[in-house]
Amino acid sequence: MTTTTSYLLSSSSSSSAPLHTFKVLRRTLWNRIFALIFTSAILSLFVHHFICLLGSANATTFLLHFTLLFSDVILSFMWATTQSFRWRPIRRSVYPENLMQVTRDCDSPMLDVFICTADPYKEPPMGVVNTALSVMAYEYPSDKISVYVSDDGGSELTLFAFMEAAKFATHWLPFCKKYKVEDRCPAAYFSSSHCRSTTHAEELKVQIAIL
């Protein structure tokens, strides 16, 4: 029982490349059989609790059976809410490289990214700067993305870090676009093994050193 289905961004264009596909896992049938058996057991337990409630000889026995019924209702509700993940488990594959084949830059919505920081000691400016540069280097129309940084602490250290990051961005952003860098976070890229095995990173370091 394996089914593969592809969804397209535009249903009117059947020849467009798929953005994602999914495959229904083979354990789906066994999950549903188990769920039906477990549901039958829960219903039987509820019937037993109701019979015990109706046959209670005194208030203490009634309260005991009512407490057990109430707890089983809560546990059954918690179990039922998890069945949506097991009733039809799937494995999804995405193809972000096909996005540009089915859409255009002018179709992209305006995107605002808000980065907040307050304490340069608890939130090192280097990490905040790397976050901002990662967003700016993302493959998105540059005229439709805006990055806002809010420094509630008014730190001069953070301000200086972003002044230097602005100079670095004039080299980093074209570098990411030219060599199609996947790790757009500078700290992650320069610490990766891929960076050490390429000469492009060394050229970028030389440009920064000259600056």
Protein backbone atom coordinates (compact mmCIF):
# COMPACT_ATOMS: atom_id res chain seq x y z
CA MET A 1 0.00 0.00 0.00
CA THR A 2 2.37 2.64 -1.28
CA THR A 3 1.19 5.79 -3.00
CA THR A 4 3.20 8.70 -4.28
CA THR A 5 1.51 12.01 -4.98
CA SER A 6 3.00 15.26 -6.28
CA TYR A 7 1.63 18.70 -5.53
CA LEU A 8 2.33 21.65 -7.83
CA LEU A 9 2.26 25.30 -6.99
CA SER A 10 -0.02 25.99 -9.92
CA SER A 11 -2.69 23.42 -10.69
CA SER A 12 -3.24 24.88 -14.15
CA SER A 13 0.25 23.90 -15.26
CA SER A 14 0.50 20.12 -15.16
CA SER A 15 3.96 20.13 -16.73
CA SER A 16 5.52 22.22 -13.96
CA ALA A 17 8.19 20.69 -11.79
CA PRO A 18 6.88 19.40 -8.43
CA LEU A 19 7.69 21.38 -5.31
CA HIS A 20 7.22 18.37 -3.07
CA THR A 21 6.13 14.75 -3.16
CA PHE A 22 5.05 12.38 -0.43
CA LYS A 23 4.83 8.62 -0.02
CA VAL A 24 2.37 6.89 2.30
CA LEU A 25 4.27 4.46 4.53
CA ARG A 26 3.43 0.77 4.52
CA ARG A 27 2.77 0.64 8.26
CA THR A 28 -0.39 2.72 7.77
CA LEU A 29 -2.66 -0.34 7.64
CA TRP A 30 -1.25 -1.80 10.86
CA ASN A 31 -1.56 1.56 12.62
CA ARG A 32 -5.26 1.75 11.68
CA ILE A 33 -5.94 -1.83 12.80
CA PHE A 34 -4.28 -1.12 16.15
CA ALA A 35 -6.23 2.13 16.53
CA LEU A 36 -9.55 0.34 15.90
CA ILE A 37 -8.72 -2.40 18.42
CA PHE A 38 -7.59 0.15 21.00
CA THR A 39 -10.76 2.20 20.43
CA SER A 40 -12.91 -0.88 21.03
CA ALA A 41 -11.06 -1.54 24.28
CA ILE A 42 -11.59 2.07 25.41
CA LEU A 43 -15.32 1.90 24.67
CA SER A 44 -15.57 -1.36 26.61
CA LEU A 45 -13.79 0.28 29.54
CA PHE A 46 -16.24 3.20 29.47
CA VAL A 47 -19.20 0.79 29.48
CA HIS A 48 -17.68 -0.96 32.49
CA HIS A 49 -17.27 2.36 34.31
CA PHE A 50 -20.88 3.36 33.62
CA ILE A 51 -22.18 0.02 34.88
CA CYS A 52 -20.12 0.41 38.05
CA LEU A 53 -21.45 3.96 38.52
CA LEU A 54 -25.06 2.83 38.20
CA GLY A 55 -24.47 -0.05 40.62
CA SER A 56 -22.64 1.99 43.26
CA ALA A 57 -23.83 1.09 46.75
CA ASN A 58 -22.71 4.32 48.46
CA ALA A 59 -21.24 7.75 47.78
CA THR A 60 -17.65 6.58 48.35
CA THR A 61 -17.91 3.87 45.71
CA PHE A 62 -19.64 6.25 43.31
CA LEU A 63 -16.92 8.86 43.77
CA LEU A 64 -14.20 6.25 43.22
CA HIS A 65 -15.69 4.99 39.96
CA PHE A 66 -16.40 8.55 38.79
CA THR A 67 -12.75 9.49 39.41
CA LEU A 68 -11.57 6.48 37.42
CA LEU A 69 -13.95 7.35 34.59
CA PHE A 70 -12.78 10.97 34.52
CA SER A 71 -9.11 9.97 34.42
CA ASP A 72 -9.73 7.47 31.63
CA VAL A 73 -11.57 10.14 29.61
CA ILE A 74 -8.54 12.44 29.88
CA LEU A 75 -6.11 9.67 28.91
CA SER A 76 -8.33 8.63 25.99
CA PHE A 77 -8.49 12.21 24.75
CA MET A 78 -4.70 12.50 24.91
CA TRP A 79 -4.35 9.24 22.97
CA ALA A 80 -6.92 10.26 20.34
CA THR A 81 -5.18 13.55 19.63
CA THR A 82 -1.99 11.69 18.71
CA GLN A 83 -3.68 9.41 16.18
CA SER A 84 -3.68 12.04 13.44
CA PHE A 85 0.09 11.47 13.11
CA ARG A 86 -0.30 7.68 12.93
CA TRP A 87 -3.50 7.31 10.91
CA ARG A 88 -1.72 8.22 7.66
CA PRO A 89 2.05 8.53 8.17
CA ILE A 90 3.91 9.85 5.15
CA ARG A 91 7.47 10.59 4.10
CA ARG A 92 7.77 13.91 2.30
CA SER A 93 10.47 15.03 -0.13
CA VAL A 94 10.85 18.70 -1.05
CA TYR A 95 12.43 20.25 -4.14
CA PRO A 96 13.22 23.90 -3.40
CA GLU A 97 15.38 24.03 -6.53
CA ASN A 98 12.18 23.82 -8.62
CA LEU A 99 10.65 26.91 -7.04
CA MET A 100 12.06 29.31 -9.61
CA GLN A 101 10.61 27.16 -12.41
CA VAL A 102 7.02 27.68 -11.30
CA THR A 103 7.14 31.21 -9.97
CA ARG A 104 8.73 34.57 -10.66
CA ASP A 105 10.45 37.11 -8.44
CA CYS A 106 7.59 39.55 -8.93
CA ASP A 107 5.20 36.96 -7.42
CA SER A 108 7.14 36.83 -4.16
CA PRO A 109 5.41 38.68 -1.30
CA MET A 110 7.08 41.40 0.74
CA LEU A 111 8.95 39.85 3.66
CA ASP A 112 9.99 41.61 6.88
CA VAL A 113 12.46 39.96 9.26
CA PHE A 114 12.74 41.34 12.81
CA ILE A 115 15.86 40.53 14.87
CA CYS A 116 15.77 41.57 18.52
CA THR A 117 18.70 41.79 20.95
CA ALA A 118 19.12 43.43 24.34
CA ASP A 119 22.32 42.43 26.14
CA PRO A 120 25.63 42.17 24.25
CA TYR A 121 27.02 39.89 26.98
CA LYS A 122 24.15 37.40 27.07
CA GLU A 123 23.56 37.73 23.32
CA PRO A 124 26.99 38.21 21.71
CA PRO A 125 26.85 40.68 18.80
CA MET A 126 28.70 38.17 16.61
CA GLY A 127 25.73 35.81 16.79
CA VAL A 128 23.25 38.59 16.04
CA VAL A 129 25.37 39.76 13.10
CA ASN A 130 25.59 36.22 11.72
CA THR A 131 21.80 35.94 11.90
CA ALA A 132 21.31 39.18 10.00
CA LEU A 133 23.85 38.26 7.32
CA SER A 134 22.28 34.81 6.91
CA VAL A 135 18.89 36.36 6.22
CA MET A 136 20.29 38.96 3.85
CA ALA A 137 22.16 36.27 1.87
CA TYR A 138 19.05 34.14 1.46
CA GLU A 139 17.92 33.58 -2.13
CA TYR A 140 15.02 36.03 -2.09
CA PRO A 141 14.39 39.15 -4.20
CA SER A 142 16.49 41.84 -2.53
CA ASP A 143 13.88 44.52 -3.19
CA LYS A 144 11.20 42.52 -1.34
CA ILE A 145 12.98 41.63 1.88
CA SER A 146 13.64 44.01 4.78
CA VAL A 147 15.72 43.14 7.84
CA TYR A 148 15.14 45.13 11.03
CA VAL A 149 17.42 44.94 14.07
CA SER A 150 16.19 46.19 17.44
CA ASP A 151 18.80 46.68 20.17
CA ASP A 152 16.82 47.31 23.35
CA GLY A 153 20.06 47.71 25.30
CA GLY A 154 21.41 50.48 23.07
CA SER A 155 24.85 48.87 23.10
CA GLU A 156 27.70 50.66 21.34
CA LEU A 157 29.36 47.26 20.93
CA THR A 158 26.40 45.95 18.94
CA LEU A 159 26.33 49.13 16.86
CA PHE A 160 30.03 48.79 16.05
CA ALA A 161 29.54 45.11 15.15
CA PHE A 162 26.84 46.00 12.64
CA MET A 163 28.92 48.83 11.18
CA GLU A 164 31.67 46.32 10.46
CA ALA A 165 29.11 43.76 9.25
CA ALA A 166 27.82 46.28 6.71
CA LYS A 167 31.31 46.48 5.21
CA PHE A 168 31.65 42.69 5.26
CA ALA A 169 28.23 42.28 3.61
CA THR A 170 29.45 44.06 0.45
CA HIS A 171 31.74 41.05 -0.07
CA TRP A 172 29.74 38.27 1.58
CA LEU A 173 26.42 38.67 -0.24
CA PRO A 174 27.91 38.66 -3.78
CA PHE A 175 30.16 35.76 -2.70
CA CYS A 176 27.16 33.65 -1.63
CA LYS A 177 25.32 34.41 -4.85
CA LYS A 178 28.29 33.79 -7.11
CA TYR A 179 29.36 30.45 -5.61
CA LYS A 180 25.88 29.34 -4.47
CA VAL A 181 26.93 28.95 -0.84
CA GLU A 182 24.54 26.76 1.15
CA ASP A 183 25.82 27.72 4.63
CA ARG A 184 24.93 31.41 4.41
CA CYS A 185 25.83 31.99 8.04
CA PRO A 186 29.46 33.26 7.89
CA ALA A 187 30.45 31.58 11.15
CA ALA A 188 29.06 28.20 10.01
CA TYR A 189 30.61 28.51 6.57
CA PHE A 190 34.13 29.44 7.66
CA SER A 191 34.17 26.69 10.30
CA SER A 192 33.03 23.98 7.88
CA SER A 193 35.35 21.51 6.18
CA HIS A 194 34.03 22.59 2.78
CA CYS A 195 35.40 26.06 3.33
CA ARG A 196 38.89 24.74 4.06
CA SER A 197 38.92 22.71 0.85
CA THR A 198 38.11 25.61 -1.51
CA THR A 199 40.14 28.57 -2.68
CA HIS A 200 37.10 30.83 -2.97
CA ALA A 201 37.02 31.35 0.79
CA GLU A 202 40.69 32.29 0.82
CA GLU A 203 40.03 34.89 -1.88
CA LEU A 204 37.22 36.32 0.24
CA LYS A 205 39.50 36.49 3.30
CA VAL A 206 42.09 38.38 1.25
CA GLN A 207 39.49 40.88 0.10
CA ILE A 208 38.35 41.44 3.69
CA ALA A 209 41.94 41.84 4.87
CA ILE A 210 42.56 44.49 2.22
CA LEU A 211 39.41 46.29 3.34
